[in-house]
Amino acid sequence: MNTQNQIHKISEKEFKELFDKYYDSIRSFIFYKIGDIDLSEDIAQETFVKFWESREKVILDTVKTYLYTIANNLMLNHIKHGKVVLQFEQKQNKKDGEVETNPEYKMELDEFQSTLNKTISEIPDKSRTVFLMNRIDGLTYTEISERLGVSVKAIEKRMSKALSILRKELDINI
């Protein structure tokens, strides 16, 4: 391999030689830092992909340093990403945990769900069908009217009746 202290576009043959020469040591370098062999292989491979993408601006005298720099940066990015994911999961678990650990809140939620289900079951069939098709299935009044074969006005009237019953029984604004 021709070594010179200038920018040199790496050929496929030179790339293969560099890959064969440095892959194992880069993978080991990453493994010693993070302790995961599969992840080490992934990062080592990504290192060479990045190296190949920037092959037109490589200085042959600094190839080894450049490869280790790419590998180290990819590893650090992975670690930072892992920390962000961990923080997000901890926040989610804390939020979920608060709901689960507060028995009073859970009891109120269960009670409300029971009352809601009972109230929905007491809505007349036609109005209940329209309400569930709109609120659960996400259908528009036009889509519901087409499926049920009635006018949009009839759908609006049935929905109004269902909402009126829910407002009255649950004392909420829907």
Protein backbone atom coordinates (compact mmCIF):
# COMPACT_ATOMS: atom_id res chain seq x y z
CA MET A 1 0.00 0.00 0.00
CA ASN A 2 1.33 3.41 -0.96
CA THR A 3 1.59 5.65 2.11
CA GLN A 4 1.81 9.34 1.63
CA ASN A 5 0.94 12.34 3.78
CA GLN A 6 -1.77 13.60 1.50
CA ILE A 7 -5.44 13.02 0.87
CA HIS A 8 -5.91 9.83 -1.07
CA LYS A 9 -9.06 8.15 -2.38
CA ILE A 10 -9.02 4.61 -0.97
CA SER A 11 -9.57 1.91 -3.58
CA GLU A 12 -11.65 -1.18 -2.93
CA LYS A 13 -8.49 -3.27 -2.72
CA GLU A 14 -6.93 -0.90 -0.15
CA PHE A 15 -10.20 -0.82 1.79
CA LYS A 16 -10.26 -4.61 1.98
CA GLU A 17 -6.66 -4.65 3.19
CA LEU A 18 -7.44 -2.04 5.85
CA PHE A 19 -10.57 -3.92 6.89
CA ASP A 20 -8.66 -7.18 7.25
CA LYS A 21 -5.87 -5.43 9.15
CA TYR A 22 -7.95 -3.40 11.65
CA TYR A 23 -11.42 -4.98 11.99
CA ASP A 24 -10.58 -7.40 14.84
CA SER A 25 -8.67 -4.82 16.86
CA ILE A 26 -11.44 -2.23 16.48
CA ARG A 27 -14.09 -4.76 17.48
CA SER A 28 -12.00 -5.70 20.53
CA PHE A 29 -11.44 -2.03 21.40
CA ILE A 30 -15.21 -1.45 21.42
CA PHE A 31 -15.91 -4.70 23.27
CA TYR A 32 -13.53 -3.78 26.09
CA LYS A 33 -15.34 -0.46 26.49
CA ILE A 34 -18.96 -1.68 26.39
CA GLY A 35 -18.82 -5.43 27.10
CA ASP A 36 -21.35 -6.51 24.44
CA ILE A 37 -19.88 -8.63 21.64
CA ASP A 38 -22.87 -8.28 19.28
CA LEU A 39 -22.97 -4.53 19.70
CA SER A 40 -19.19 -4.39 19.28
CA GLU A 41 -19.50 -6.16 15.94
CA ASP A 42 -22.28 -3.80 14.83
CA ILE A 43 -20.28 -0.71 15.74
CA ALA A 44 -17.11 -2.09 14.13
CA GLN A 45 -19.01 -2.74 10.91
CA GLU A 46 -20.61 0.71 11.04
CA THR A 47 -17.11 2.15 11.55
CA PHE A 48 -15.99 0.71 8.25
CA VAL A 49 -19.17 1.84 6.51
CA LYS A 50 -18.49 5.41 7.66
CA PHE A 51 -14.85 5.04 6.67
CA TRP A 52 -15.88 3.88 3.19
CA GLU A 53 -18.29 6.80 2.83
CA SER A 54 -15.46 9.25 3.56
CA ARG A 55 -12.79 7.36 1.61
CA GLU A 56 -12.15 10.32 -0.69
CA LYS A 57 -10.68 12.45 2.09
CA VAL A 58 -8.50 9.94 3.92
CA ILE A 59 -4.85 10.61 4.69
CA LEU A 60 -3.13 7.24 4.56
CA ASP A 61 -0.68 8.08 7.36
CA THR A 62 -3.57 8.59 9.78
CA VAL A 63 -5.89 5.72 8.74
CA LYS A 64 -5.56 3.81 12.01
CA THR A 65 -6.23 6.92 14.12
CA TYR A 66 -9.14 7.86 11.88
CA LEU A 67 -10.74 4.40 12.20
CA TYR A 68 -10.40 4.39 15.99
CA THR A 69 -11.83 7.91 16.15
CA ILE A 70 -14.87 6.86 14.10
CA ALA A 71 -15.33 3.75 16.27
CA ASN A 72 -15.02 5.72 19.50
CA ASN A 73 -17.50 8.37 18.32
CA LEU A 74 -20.04 5.74 17.23
CA MET A 75 -19.67 4.00 20.58
CA LEU A 76 -20.15 7.28 22.48
CA ASN A 77 -23.22 8.08 20.37
CA HIS A 78 -24.65 4.68 21.19
CA ILE A 79 -24.03 5.20 24.90
CA LYS A 80 -25.65 8.67 24.80
CA HIS A 81 -28.64 7.25 22.94
CA GLY A 82 -28.91 4.48 25.54
CA LYS A 83 -28.95 7.07 28.34
CA VAL A 84 -31.74 9.02 26.63
CA VAL A 85 -33.78 5.84 26.18
CA LEU A 86 -33.17 4.87 29.82
CA GLN A 87 -34.25 8.29 31.09
CA PHE A 88 -37.41 8.11 28.97
CA GLU A 89 -38.22 4.62 30.26
CA GLN A 90 -37.64 5.72 33.86
CA LYS A 91 -40.00 8.68 33.41
CA GLN A 92 -42.62 6.39 31.86
CA ASN A 93 -42.23 3.84 34.65
CA LYS A 94 -42.52 6.58 37.24
CA LYS A 95 -45.75 7.86 35.65
CA ASP A 96 -47.12 4.33 35.33
CA GLY A 97 -45.94 3.51 38.84
CA GLU A 98 -47.74 6.49 40.33
CA VAL A 99 -51.02 5.25 38.88
CA GLU A 100 -50.40 1.72 40.07
CA THR A 101 -49.11 2.62 43.53
CA ASN A 102 -51.88 5.07 44.38
CA PRO A 103 -54.72 2.74 45.46
CA GLU A 104 -57.18 5.59 45.85
CA TYR A 105 -56.62 6.75 42.29
CA LYS A 106 -56.89 3.19 40.97
CA MET A 107 -60.11 2.64 42.89
CA GLU A 108 -61.61 5.87 41.53
CA LEU A 109 -60.56 4.93 38.01
CA ASP A 110 -62.11 1.46 38.33
CA GLU A 111 -65.29 2.95 39.75
CA PHE A 112 -65.55 5.48 36.93
CA GLN A 113 -64.92 2.77 34.31
CA SER A 114 -67.67 0.63 35.84
CA THR A 115 -70.12 3.55 35.89
CA LEU A 116 -69.21 4.46 32.30
CA ASN A 117 -69.77 0.91 31.06
CA LYS A 118 -73.10 0.70 32.90
CA THR A 119 -74.22 4.05 31.48
CA ILE A 120 -73.21 3.12 27.93
CA SER A 121 -75.15 -0.14 28.24
CA GLU A 122 -78.26 1.85 29.22
CA ILE A 123 -78.16 4.08 26.12
CA PRO A 124 -80.84 2.98 23.61
CA ASP A 125 -79.46 0.56 20.99
CA LYS A 126 -79.50 2.89 17.97
CA SER A 127 -77.87 5.76 19.85
CA ARG A 128 -75.33 3.45 21.53
CA THR A 129 -74.36 1.98 18.15
CA VAL A 130 -73.75 5.45 16.69
CA PHE A 131 -71.82 6.57 19.78
CA LEU A 132 -69.51 3.52 19.72
CA MET A 133 -68.99 3.70 15.96
CA ASN A 134 -67.94 7.34 16.32
CA ARG A 135 -65.96 7.29 19.56
CA ILE A 136 -64.47 3.81 19.47
CA ASP A 137 -64.16 3.06 15.73
CA GLY A 138 -63.44 6.69 14.84
CA LEU A 139 -66.01 6.84 12.05
CA THR A 140 -67.46 10.13 10.83
CA TYR A 141 -71.18 10.79 10.83
CA THR A 142 -71.20 10.37 7.04
CA GLU A 143 -69.44 6.99 7.26
CA ILE A 144 -71.85 5.85 9.97
CA SER A 145 -74.88 6.97 7.95
CA GLU A 146 -73.62 5.03 4.92
CA ARG A 147 -73.04 1.88 6.97
CA LEU A 148 -76.37 2.05 8.75
CA GLY A 149 -78.34 3.27 5.73
CA VAL A 150 -79.84 6.30 7.47
CA SER A 151 -79.41 10.05 6.97
CA VAL A 152 -76.63 12.08 8.55
CA LYS A 153 -79.35 14.04 10.39
CA ALA A 154 -80.54 10.79 12.01
CA ILE A 155 -76.96 10.00 13.06
CA GLU A 156 -76.57 13.49 14.57
CA LYS A 157 -79.82 13.06 16.51
CA ARG A 158 -78.80 9.62 17.84
CA MET A 159 -75.36 10.91 18.84
CA SER A 160 -76.91 13.90 20.58
CA LYS A 161 -79.15 11.57 22.57
CA ALA A 162 -76.19 9.34 23.58
CA LEU A 163 -74.10 12.33 24.67
CA SER A 164 -76.99 13.81 26.59
CA ILE A 165 -77.42 10.58 28.57
CA LEU A 166 -73.68 10.37 29.30
CA ARG A 167 -73.52 14.00 30.44
CA LYS A 168 -76.49 13.56 32.73
CA GLU A 169 -75.45 10.23 34.26
CA LEU A 170 -71.71 10.89 34.58
CA ASP A 171 -71.91 14.61 35.20
CA ILE A 172 -69.16 15.31 32.66
CA ASN A 173 -68.84 17.45 29.55
CA ILE A 174 -68.33 15.30 26.48
